[in-house]
């Protein structure tokens, strides 16, 4: 491999070869690999769950409880979730902290989805959008084997 900046190539290759896995977390990196706390390589099998669309809430939660969705994802053999998020949720404090899930759905005239949330995820419907995002992320507890 040709390197335009030999010093940086040497420096980064030195770092990669001499990095000790961080044992404070279940997963860390060793060179180019993701490893578990025993230093064994881990293969991630990820699923994408959109939550970046206009209501700024994870899709499908008006249809099923968040725990049921999380359980199904694990049953299907996935060991990671890529939960997308709207940039506005992280850059607009008013949207993130002052708008509830109910208000977000009301603003788009999604009355059926509000009823679905009240039925399937009543603990989420009246919390702020950022708290709803956090609640969805906490629904996933994968062990090191991904089950």
Protein backbone atom coordinates (compact mmCIF):
# COMPACT_ATOMS: atom_id res chain seq x y z
CA UNK A 1 0.00 0.00 0.00
CA UNK A 2 1.34 3.42 -0.97
CA UNK A 3 1.22 6.14 1.67
CA UNK A 4 1.42 9.86 0.93
CA UNK A 5 2.38 10.69 4.50
CA UNK A 6 4.82 7.98 5.69
CA UNK A 7 4.94 9.28 9.27
CA UNK A 8 1.16 9.05 9.67
CA UNK A 9 1.06 5.58 8.12
CA UNK A 10 3.75 4.42 10.55
CA UNK A 11 2.08 6.13 13.49
CA UNK A 12 -1.37 4.67 12.82
CA UNK A 13 -0.02 1.19 12.09
CA UNK A 14 1.94 1.38 15.38
CA UNK A 15 -1.22 2.40 17.25
CA UNK A 16 -3.26 -0.37 15.66
CA UNK A 17 -0.68 -3.02 16.54
CA UNK A 18 -0.13 -1.81 20.08
CA UNK A 19 -3.69 -1.12 21.17
CA UNK A 20 -4.93 -3.04 24.17
CA UNK A 21 -8.66 -3.86 24.03
CA UNK A 22 -10.73 -1.73 26.39
CA UNK A 23 -12.13 -4.25 28.86
CA UNK A 24 -14.51 -1.71 30.39
CA UNK A 25 -17.07 -2.51 27.68
CA UNK A 26 -18.33 -5.86 26.37
CA UNK A 27 -16.97 -5.03 22.91
CA UNK A 28 -13.85 -3.19 21.85
CA UNK A 29 -11.46 -3.10 18.91
CA UNK A 30 -8.17 -4.78 18.30
CA UNK A 31 -6.51 -3.59 15.12
CA UNK A 32 -9.29 -3.76 12.54
CA UNK A 33 -11.43 -6.29 14.44
CA UNK A 34 -14.29 -5.97 16.89
CA UNK A 35 -13.57 -8.27 19.83
CA UNK A 36 -15.33 -9.39 22.99
CA UNK A 37 -13.88 -9.21 26.51
CA UNK A 38 -11.93 -12.43 25.81
CA UNK A 39 -10.29 -10.96 22.71
CA UNK A 40 -12.36 -13.16 20.38
CA UNK A 41 -13.54 -11.61 17.12
CA UNK A 42 -17.24 -10.73 17.01
CA UNK A 43 -19.28 -10.54 13.86
CA UNK A 44 -22.06 -8.00 13.97
CA UNK A 45 -25.39 -8.87 12.37
CA UNK A 46 -27.25 -5.57 12.29
CA UNK A 47 -30.76 -4.50 11.43
CA UNK A 48 -31.78 -0.98 10.44
CA UNK A 49 -34.70 0.63 12.29
CA UNK A 50 -35.69 4.04 10.94
CA UNK A 51 -36.68 6.80 13.32
CA UNK A 52 -35.55 9.77 11.25
CA UNK A 53 -38.82 10.32 9.36
CA UNK A 54 -41.08 13.30 10.07
CA UNK A 55 -42.68 12.19 13.36
CA UNK A 56 -39.11 11.54 14.68
CA UNK A 57 -40.13 8.30 16.42
CA UNK A 58 -39.02 4.74 15.70
CA UNK A 59 -41.24 3.27 13.00
CA UNK A 60 -43.83 0.65 13.89
CA UNK A 61 -44.36 1.51 17.54
CA UNK A 62 -48.00 2.32 16.87
CA UNK A 63 -48.38 -1.28 15.70
CA UNK A 64 -46.43 -3.28 18.33
CA UNK A 65 -44.94 -2.72 21.80
CA UNK A 66 -41.26 -1.75 21.75
CA UNK A 67 -40.35 -4.85 23.78
CA UNK A 68 -42.06 -7.10 21.21
CA UNK A 69 -40.12 -5.47 18.38
CA UNK A 70 -36.85 -5.85 20.32
CA UNK A 71 -37.60 -9.50 21.09
CA UNK A 72 -38.38 -10.24 17.43
CA UNK A 73 -35.13 -8.64 16.30
CA UNK A 74 -33.17 -10.85 18.72
CA UNK A 75 -35.15 -13.96 17.69
CA UNK A 76 -34.23 -13.28 14.07
CA UNK A 77 -30.56 -13.56 15.00
CA UNK A 78 -29.51 -9.92 14.95
CA UNK A 79 -27.07 -8.71 17.60
CA UNK A 80 -27.07 -4.99 16.85
CA UNK A 81 -29.56 -2.34 15.81
CA UNK A 82 -28.83 0.76 13.77
CA UNK A 83 -31.50 3.12 15.05
CA UNK A 84 -31.50 6.07 12.68
CA UNK A 85 -32.27 9.50 14.08
CA UNK A 86 -33.28 12.88 12.76
CA UNK A 87 -30.55 15.51 12.87
CA UNK A 88 -33.18 17.94 14.18
CA UNK A 89 -33.64 15.75 17.25
CA UNK A 90 -30.02 16.34 18.23
CA UNK A 91 -29.71 19.97 17.15
CA UNK A 92 -33.09 21.47 18.04
CA UNK A 93 -33.61 21.46 21.82
CA UNK A 94 -37.18 22.68 21.52
CA UNK A 95 -38.12 19.77 19.28
CA UNK A 96 -36.20 17.22 21.35
CA UNK A 97 -37.32 18.30 24.81
CA UNK A 98 -40.61 20.16 24.43
CA UNK A 99 -42.50 18.13 21.81
CA UNK A 100 -44.08 14.86 22.92
CA UNK A 101 -44.68 11.83 20.72
CA UNK A 102 -48.41 12.62 20.77
CA UNK A 103 -47.81 16.23 19.67
CA UNK A 104 -45.50 15.10 16.89
CA UNK A 105 -48.09 12.71 15.49
CA UNK A 106 -50.86 15.30 15.92
CA UNK A 107 -48.86 17.84 13.90
CA UNK A 108 -48.93 15.46 10.94
CA UNK A 109 -52.57 14.43 11.39
CA UNK A 110 -51.64 10.83 12.27
CA UNK A 111 -54.64 10.12 14.52
CA UNK A 112 -54.62 6.34 13.95
CA UNK A 113 -50.99 6.17 15.03
CA UNK A 114 -51.80 8.02 18.25
CA UNK A 115 -54.45 5.42 19.05
CA UNK A 116 -51.92 2.68 18.23
CA UNK A 117 -49.34 4.22 20.55
CA UNK A 118 -51.88 4.50 23.35
CA UNK A 119 -52.63 0.79 22.92
CA UNK A 120 -49.14 -0.62 22.27
CA UNK A 121 -46.75 1.83 23.94
CA UNK A 122 -48.70 3.94 26.45
CA UNK A 123 -45.53 4.79 28.39
CA UNK A 124 -44.06 6.48 25.32
CA UNK A 125 -46.96 8.53 23.93
CA UNK A 126 -46.69 11.49 26.32
CA UNK A 127 -42.93 11.82 26.78
CA UNK A 128 -40.59 14.08 24.85
CA UNK A 129 -39.18 12.90 21.53
CA UNK A 130 -35.65 12.58 22.95
CA UNK A 131 -36.91 10.54 25.91
CA UNK A 132 -38.84 8.29 23.51
CA UNK A 133 -35.64 7.77 21.50
CA UNK A 134 -33.78 6.84 24.69
CA UNK A 135 -36.53 4.47 25.76
CA UNK A 136 -36.32 2.63 22.43
CA UNK A 137 -32.54 2.27 22.74
CA UNK A 138 -32.90 0.83 26.25
CA UNK A 139 -35.23 -1.90 24.97
CA UNK A 140 -32.23 -3.78 23.56
CA UNK A 141 -30.04 -5.84 25.81
CA UNK A 142 -27.87 -8.15 23.74
CA UNK A 143 -25.47 -10.49 25.49
CA UNK A 144 -22.03 -11.21 24.03
CA UNK A 145 -23.37 -14.08 21.90
CA UNK A 146 -26.11 -11.90 20.43
CA UNK A 147 -29.05 -13.74 21.94
